[in-house]
């Protein structure tokens, strides 16, 4: 099953995103703990796109979110139009949770710890895709 949503570059869209994401939870086989982890991954990913990739773009710049469900996993794709970003390099540079009292970088570490797969890659249409996969 596929679910699709387009929102503006605005952190205030978080409640709309979570409300929309509830329809995915109607699917059986996703236990509550995995569901909370997926919600965290979705909102952390969205916030990172807004605060970093789209930092200097107008609020009207769209962010597309796609959720794909299979029998064993959920894939969350967040498509952005910002600048290139080396996710792996950034994850290596950010301190671990217990040593990180900075305001930045904790979200990426949280996502990396929770997700089964986390990538940020360019797409054929000159956008970037934050792909978050979680097995259930």
N, C-alpha and C. Protein backbone atom coordinates (compact mmCIF):
# COMPACT_ATOMS: atom_id res chain seq x y z
N UNK A 1 0.83 -1.18 0.00
CA UNK A 1 0.00 0.00 0.00
C UNK A 1 0.87 1.24 0.00
N UNK A 2 0.41 2.27 -0.68
CA UNK A 2 1.12 3.54 -0.73
C UNK A 2 0.23 4.65 -0.21
N UNK A 3 0.86 5.57 0.50
CA UNK A 3 0.18 6.77 1.01
C UNK A 3 1.04 7.96 0.60
N UNK A 4 0.39 9.08 0.26
CA UNK A 4 1.12 10.23 -0.25
C UNK A 4 0.57 11.53 0.34
N UNK A 5 1.47 12.45 0.70
CA UNK A 5 1.07 13.75 1.23
C UNK A 5 2.07 14.80 0.77
N UNK A 6 1.56 15.99 0.44
CA UNK A 6 2.41 17.12 0.10
C UNK A 6 2.08 18.26 1.06
N UNK A 7 3.13 18.81 1.68
CA UNK A 7 2.97 19.92 2.62
C UNK A 7 3.98 21.01 2.29
N UNK A 8 3.77 22.20 2.84
CA UNK A 8 4.72 23.28 2.69
C UNK A 8 5.88 23.11 3.66
N UNK A 9 6.92 23.88 3.43
CA UNK A 9 8.10 23.89 4.30
C UNK A 9 7.76 24.69 5.55
N UNK A 10 7.11 24.04 6.49
CA UNK A 10 6.62 24.71 7.68
C UNK A 10 6.50 23.69 8.81
N UNK A 11 7.22 23.91 9.90
CA UNK A 11 7.15 22.98 11.03
C UNK A 11 5.74 22.85 11.59
N UNK A 12 4.90 23.85 11.37
CA UNK A 12 3.51 23.78 11.84
C UNK A 12 2.72 22.69 11.12
N UNK A 13 3.25 22.15 10.04
CA UNK A 13 2.58 21.06 9.32
C UNK A 13 2.73 19.72 10.04
N UNK A 14 3.51 19.68 11.12
CA UNK A 14 3.76 18.41 11.83
C UNK A 14 2.47 17.75 12.29
N UNK A 15 1.52 18.51 12.81
CA UNK A 15 0.26 17.91 13.28
C UNK A 15 -0.54 17.36 12.11
N UNK A 16 -0.52 18.06 10.97
CA UNK A 16 -1.20 17.55 9.77
C UNK A 16 -0.56 16.24 9.31
N UNK A 17 0.76 16.20 9.36
CA UNK A 17 1.49 14.99 8.94
C UNK A 17 1.15 13.81 9.85
N UNK A 18 1.15 14.03 11.15
CA UNK A 18 0.83 12.94 12.08
C UNK A 18 -0.61 12.48 11.92
N UNK A 19 -1.51 13.40 11.69
CA UNK A 19 -2.91 13.04 11.47
C UNK A 19 -3.04 12.19 10.21
N UNK A 20 -2.39 12.61 9.15
CA UNK A 20 -2.39 11.85 7.89
C UNK A 20 -1.76 10.47 8.10
N UNK A 21 -0.70 10.41 8.86
CA UNK A 21 0.03 9.16 9.09
C UNK A 21 -0.81 8.15 9.85
N UNK A 22 -1.80 8.61 10.60
CA UNK A 22 -2.69 7.70 11.34
C UNK A 22 -3.38 6.68 10.44
N UNK A 23 -3.66 7.06 9.19
CA UNK A 23 -4.32 6.11 8.29
C UNK A 23 -3.45 4.89 8.01
N UNK A 24 -2.15 5.07 8.09
CA UNK A 24 -1.23 3.95 7.90
C UNK A 24 -1.37 2.96 9.05
N UNK A 25 -1.62 3.47 10.26
CA UNK A 25 -1.69 2.63 11.44
C UNK A 25 -2.91 1.71 11.42
N UNK A 26 -3.83 1.93 10.51
CA UNK A 26 -4.98 1.05 10.38
C UNK A 26 -4.57 -0.33 9.84
N UNK A 27 -3.37 -0.40 9.33
CA UNK A 27 -2.87 -1.66 8.76
C UNK A 27 -2.45 -2.58 9.91
N UNK A 28 -2.92 -3.82 9.89
CA UNK A 28 -2.51 -4.76 10.95
C UNK A 28 -1.03 -5.10 10.84
N UNK A 29 -0.51 -5.71 11.84
CA UNK A 29 0.87 -6.20 11.91
C UNK A 29 1.88 -5.16 12.39
N UNK A 30 1.48 -3.94 12.61
CA UNK A 30 2.41 -2.95 13.12
C UNK A 30 2.12 -2.78 14.62
N UNK A 31 3.02 -3.28 15.47
CA UNK A 31 2.76 -3.17 16.91
C UNK A 31 3.00 -1.73 17.38
N UNK A 32 2.56 -1.42 18.58
CA UNK A 32 2.57 -0.04 19.08
C UNK A 32 3.98 0.53 19.19
N UNK A 33 4.93 -0.27 19.65
CA UNK A 33 6.30 0.24 19.78
C UNK A 33 6.89 0.63 18.42
N UNK A 34 6.72 -0.23 17.44
CA UNK A 34 7.19 0.07 16.08
C UNK A 34 6.47 1.30 15.54
N UNK A 35 5.17 1.39 15.82
CA UNK A 35 4.38 2.54 15.35
C UNK A 35 4.93 3.85 15.92
N UNK A 36 5.23 3.89 17.22
CA UNK A 36 5.79 5.09 17.83
C UNK A 36 7.16 5.43 17.23
N UNK A 37 7.95 4.40 16.97
CA UNK A 37 9.24 4.63 16.34
C UNK A 37 9.08 5.23 14.94
N UNK A 38 8.11 4.73 14.18
CA UNK A 38 7.86 5.27 12.84
C UNK A 38 7.38 6.72 12.91
N UNK A 39 6.53 7.04 13.87
CA UNK A 39 6.09 8.43 14.05
C UNK A 39 7.29 9.33 14.36
N UNK A 40 8.17 8.87 15.23
CA UNK A 40 9.37 9.63 15.59
C UNK A 40 10.25 9.84 14.37
N UNK A 41 10.46 8.78 13.61
CA UNK A 41 11.28 8.87 12.40
C UNK A 41 10.70 9.86 11.40
N UNK A 42 9.39 9.79 11.20
CA UNK A 42 8.73 10.68 10.26
C UNK A 42 8.88 12.14 10.67
N UNK A 43 8.58 12.46 11.92
CA UNK A 43 8.63 13.85 12.37
C UNK A 43 10.07 14.36 12.46
N UNK A 44 11.00 13.54 12.91
CA UNK A 44 12.41 13.95 12.93
C UNK A 44 12.91 14.20 11.52
N UNK A 45 12.55 13.32 10.59
CA UNK A 45 12.96 13.50 9.20
C UNK A 45 12.38 14.77 8.60
N UNK A 46 11.10 15.00 8.82
CA UNK A 46 10.45 16.21 8.33
C UNK A 46 11.11 17.46 8.92
N UNK A 47 11.34 17.46 10.22
CA UNK A 47 11.95 18.62 10.88
C UNK A 47 13.35 18.90 10.33
N UNK A 48 14.11 17.85 10.06
CA UNK A 48 15.45 18.03 9.49
C UNK A 48 15.38 18.65 8.11
N UNK A 49 14.41 18.22 7.30
CA UNK A 49 14.26 18.81 5.96
C UNK A 49 13.91 20.29 6.08
N UNK A 50 12.95 20.62 6.93
CA UNK A 50 12.52 22.01 7.09
C UNK A 50 13.68 22.87 7.62
N UNK A 51 14.33 22.40 8.67
CA UNK A 51 15.34 23.22 9.36
C UNK A 51 16.69 23.26 8.65
N UNK A 52 16.97 22.29 7.81
CA UNK A 52 18.29 22.24 7.19
C UNK A 52 18.21 22.31 5.66
N UNK A 53 17.63 21.31 5.03
CA UNK A 53 17.60 21.26 3.57
C UNK A 53 16.84 22.44 2.97
N UNK A 54 15.74 22.84 3.60
CA UNK A 54 14.91 23.94 3.08
C UNK A 54 15.10 25.24 3.86
N UNK A 55 16.17 25.33 4.62
CA UNK A 55 16.40 26.47 5.51
C UNK A 55 16.23 27.82 4.82
N UNK A 56 16.75 27.97 3.63
CA UNK A 56 16.71 29.25 2.93
C UNK A 56 15.69 29.29 1.80
N UNK A 57 14.76 28.35 1.80
CA UNK A 57 13.73 28.31 0.75
C UNK A 57 12.42 28.88 1.30
N UNK A 58 11.56 29.39 0.41
CA UNK A 58 10.26 29.92 0.85
C UNK A 58 9.40 28.84 1.49
N UNK A 59 8.52 29.26 2.41
CA UNK A 59 7.62 28.31 3.08
C UNK A 59 6.72 27.57 2.08
N UNK A 60 6.48 28.17 0.91
CA UNK A 60 5.62 27.55 -0.10
C UNK A 60 6.31 26.39 -0.81
N UNK A 61 7.60 26.21 -0.56
CA UNK A 61 8.33 25.10 -1.19
C UNK A 61 7.75 23.78 -0.69
N UNK A 62 7.29 22.93 -1.61
CA UNK A 62 6.66 21.68 -1.16
C UNK A 62 7.64 20.63 -0.66
N UNK A 63 7.17 19.87 0.28
CA UNK A 63 7.85 18.66 0.75
C UNK A 63 6.86 17.53 0.52
N UNK A 64 7.29 16.51 -0.19
CA UNK A 64 6.42 15.37 -0.47
C UNK A 64 6.81 14.21 0.43
N UNK A 65 5.80 13.58 0.99
CA UNK A 65 6.03 12.44 1.87
C UNK A 65 5.27 11.25 1.30
N UNK A 66 5.96 10.15 1.17
CA UNK A 66 5.35 8.92 0.67
C UNK A 66 5.66 7.81 1.66
N UNK A 67 4.64 7.05 1.98
CA UNK A 67 4.81 5.89 2.84
C UNK A 67 4.43 4.65 2.04
N UNK A 68 5.32 3.69 2.00
CA UNK A 68 5.09 2.44 1.28
C UNK A 68 5.11 1.31 2.29
N UNK A 69 4.06 0.51 2.27
CA UNK A 69 3.96 -0.63 3.19
C UNK A 69 4.09 -1.93 2.42
N UNK A 70 4.89 -2.82 2.97
CA UNK A 70 4.93 -4.19 2.46
C UNK A 70 4.55 -5.10 3.62
N UNK A 71 4.65 -6.39 3.42
CA UNK A 71 4.30 -7.33 4.49
C UNK A 71 5.27 -7.30 5.66
N UNK A 72 6.47 -6.75 5.44
CA UNK A 72 7.49 -6.83 6.47
C UNK A 72 8.10 -5.50 6.87
N UNK A 73 7.85 -4.45 6.10
CA UNK A 73 8.50 -3.19 6.43
C UNK A 73 7.66 -1.99 6.00
N UNK A 74 8.03 -0.86 6.58
CA UNK A 74 7.45 0.42 6.21
C UNK A 74 8.59 1.29 5.72
N UNK A 75 8.41 1.90 4.55
CA UNK A 75 9.38 2.84 4.00
C UNK A 75 8.76 4.22 4.01
N UNK A 76 9.48 5.17 4.55
CA UNK A 76 9.05 6.57 4.56
C UNK A 76 10.03 7.32 3.68
N UNK A 77 9.49 7.95 2.63
CA UNK A 77 10.32 8.74 1.71
C UNK A 77 9.90 10.20 1.86
N UNK A 78 10.87 11.06 2.17
CA UNK A 78 10.61 12.49 2.28
C UNK A 78 11.43 13.17 1.19
N UNK A 79 10.73 13.76 0.23
CA UNK A 79 11.39 14.37 -0.93
C UNK A 79 11.51 15.87 -0.73
N UNK A 80 12.74 16.36 -0.91
CA UNK A 80 13.02 17.77 -0.68
C UNK A 80 13.73 18.38 -1.88
N UNK A 81 13.87 19.71 -1.82
CA UNK A 81 14.50 20.44 -2.92
C UNK A 81 15.73 21.22 -2.46
N UNK A 82 16.23 20.90 -1.31
CA UNK A 82 17.35 21.65 -0.74
C UNK A 82 18.68 21.29 -1.35
N UNK A 83 19.73 21.64 -0.62
CA UNK A 83 21.09 21.39 -1.06
C UNK A 83 21.50 19.96 -0.77
N UNK A 84 22.57 19.54 -1.43
CA UNK A 84 23.14 18.22 -1.17
C UNK A 84 23.61 18.13 0.28
N UNK A 85 23.56 16.95 0.83
CA UNK A 85 23.89 16.73 2.23
C UNK A 85 24.48 15.33 2.36
N UNK A 86 25.63 15.21 2.98
CA UNK A 86 26.28 13.92 3.17
C UNK A 86 25.86 13.35 4.53
N UNK A 87 24.82 12.55 4.52
CA UNK A 87 24.26 12.00 5.75
C UNK A 87 25.28 11.16 6.52
N UNK A 88 25.96 10.28 5.82
CA UNK A 88 26.93 9.41 6.50
C UNK A 88 28.04 10.22 7.17
N UNK A 89 28.54 11.22 6.48
CA UNK A 89 29.60 12.06 7.04
C UNK A 89 29.08 12.80 8.27
N UNK A 90 27.88 13.34 8.18
CA UNK A 90 27.30 14.07 9.31
C UNK A 90 27.10 13.15 10.51
N UNK A 91 26.64 11.93 10.27
CA UNK A 91 26.44 10.99 11.37
C UNK A 91 27.76 10.65 12.06
N UNK A 92 28.84 10.59 11.30
CA UNK A 92 30.15 10.31 11.87
C UNK A 92 30.67 11.48 12.68
N UNK A 93 30.28 12.70 12.31
CA UNK A 93 30.80 13.90 12.98
C UNK A 93 30.03 14.26 14.24
N UNK A 94 28.79 13.81 14.35
CA UNK A 94 27.96 14.17 15.49
C UNK A 94 28.29 13.25 16.66
N UNK A 95 28.43 13.84 17.84
CA UNK A 95 28.75 13.07 19.04
C UNK A 95 27.60 12.11 19.38
N UNK A 96 27.94 11.08 20.11
CA UNK A 96 26.91 10.14 20.57
C UNK A 96 25.97 10.83 21.55
N UNK A 97 24.81 10.22 21.80
CA UNK A 97 23.78 10.83 22.64
C UNK A 97 24.31 11.35 23.97
N UNK A 98 25.02 10.50 24.69
CA UNK A 98 25.43 10.87 26.04
C UNK A 98 26.45 12.02 26.05
N UNK A 99 27.16 12.22 24.94
CA UNK A 99 28.15 13.30 24.85
C UNK A 99 27.61 14.51 24.09
N UNK A 100 26.37 14.46 23.67
CA UNK A 100 25.84 15.49 22.79
C UNK A 100 24.85 16.38 23.54
N UNK A 101 25.32 17.54 23.97
CA UNK A 101 24.42 18.49 24.59
C UNK A 101 24.17 19.69 23.66
N UNK A 102 24.58 19.54 22.41
CA UNK A 102 24.33 20.58 21.42
C UNK A 102 22.89 20.51 20.95
N UNK A 103 22.42 21.62 20.39
CA UNK A 103 21.06 21.63 19.87
C UNK A 103 20.94 20.89 18.56
N UNK A 104 22.00 20.76 17.81
CA UNK A 104 21.96 20.17 16.47
C UNK A 104 22.56 18.77 16.46
N UNK A 105 22.04 17.93 15.60
CA UNK A 105 22.63 16.62 15.37
C UNK A 105 21.99 15.48 16.12
N UNK A 106 21.29 15.77 17.21
CA UNK A 106 20.69 14.68 17.99
C UNK A 106 19.61 13.97 17.19
N UNK A 107 18.84 14.71 16.40
CA UNK A 107 17.77 14.10 15.61
C UNK A 107 18.29 13.06 14.64
N UNK A 108 19.42 13.37 14.00
CA UNK A 108 20.02 12.41 13.08
C UNK A 108 20.47 11.15 13.81
N UNK A 109 21.05 11.32 14.99
CA UNK A 109 21.48 10.15 15.77
C UNK A 109 20.29 9.31 16.21
N UNK A 110 19.21 9.99 16.60
CA UNK A 110 18.00 9.27 17.00
C UNK A 110 17.48 8.47 15.81
N UNK A 111 17.40 9.13 14.65
CA UNK A 111 16.91 8.44 13.46
C UNK A 111 17.79 7.26 13.09
N UNK A 112 19.10 7.47 13.17
CA UNK A 112 20.03 6.40 12.82
C UNK A 112 19.89 5.20 13.76
N UNK A 113 19.62 5.49 15.04
CA UNK A 113 19.49 4.41 16.02
C UNK A 113 18.18 3.64 15.86
N UNK A 114 17.11 4.32 15.46
CA UNK A 114 15.79 3.69 15.36
C UNK A 114 15.56 3.01 14.02
N UNK A 115 16.00 3.64 12.94
CA UNK A 115 15.72 3.13 11.60
C UNK A 115 16.54 1.89 11.29
N UNK A 116 15.98 1.02 10.48
CA UNK A 116 16.74 -0.13 9.99
C UNK A 116 17.57 0.26 8.79
N UNK A 117 17.12 1.30 8.07
CA UNK A 117 17.87 1.84 6.93
C UNK A 117 17.59 3.34 6.89
N UNK A 118 18.64 4.13 6.68
CA UNK A 118 18.50 5.58 6.61
C UNK A 118 19.47 6.09 5.55
N UNK A 119 18.92 6.70 4.48
CA UNK A 119 19.76 7.25 3.42
C UNK A 119 19.22 8.60 2.99
N UNK A 120 20.08 9.40 2.37
CA UNK A 120 19.69 10.69 1.80
C UNK A 120 20.41 10.79 0.47
N UNK A 121 19.65 10.67 -0.62
CA UNK A 121 20.26 10.60 -1.94
C UNK A 121 19.53 11.47 -2.94
N UNK A 122 20.25 11.88 -3.98
CA UNK A 122 19.63 12.68 -5.04
C UNK A 122 18.72 11.79 -5.89
N UNK A 123 17.72 12.43 -6.49
CA UNK A 123 16.78 11.72 -7.35
C UNK A 123 16.98 12.18 -8.80
N UNK A 124 16.37 11.47 -9.73
CA UNK A 124 16.51 11.79 -11.15
C UNK A 124 15.93 13.16 -11.50
N UNK A 125 15.00 13.66 -10.68
CA UNK A 125 14.36 14.95 -10.97
C UNK A 125 14.97 16.10 -10.16
N UNK A 126 16.25 15.96 -9.80
CA UNK A 126 17.02 17.01 -9.10
C UNK A 126 16.47 17.38 -7.73
N UNK A 127 15.92 16.40 -7.05
CA UNK A 127 15.51 16.59 -5.66
C UNK A 127 16.34 15.62 -4.81
N UNK A 128 16.03 15.60 -3.53
CA UNK A 128 16.70 14.67 -2.62
C UNK A 128 15.65 13.86 -1.88
N UNK A 129 16.00 12.62 -1.61
CA UNK A 129 15.07 11.72 -0.93
C UNK A 129 15.71 11.22 0.37
N UNK A 130 15.05 11.54 1.47
CA UNK A 130 15.41 10.95 2.75
C UNK A 130 14.59 9.68 2.87
N UNK A 131 15.25 8.53 2.81
CA UNK A 131 14.59 7.24 2.89
C UNK A 131 14.81 6.64 4.26
N UNK A 132 13.70 6.31 4.91
CA UNK A 132 13.74 5.72 6.24
C UNK A 132 12.98 4.39 6.16
N UNK A 133 13.63 3.30 6.49
CA UNK A 133 12.98 1.99 6.47
C UNK A 133 12.96 1.40 7.87
N UNK A 134 11.84 0.77 8.19
CA UNK A 134 11.68 0.11 9.50
C UNK A 134 10.99 -1.23 9.27
N UNK A 135 11.60 -2.31 9.75
CA UNK A 135 11.00 -3.63 9.64
C UNK A 135 10.04 -3.85 10.81
N UNK A 136 8.98 -4.59 10.57
CA UNK A 136 8.05 -4.93 11.65
C UNK A 136 7.62 -6.36 11.55
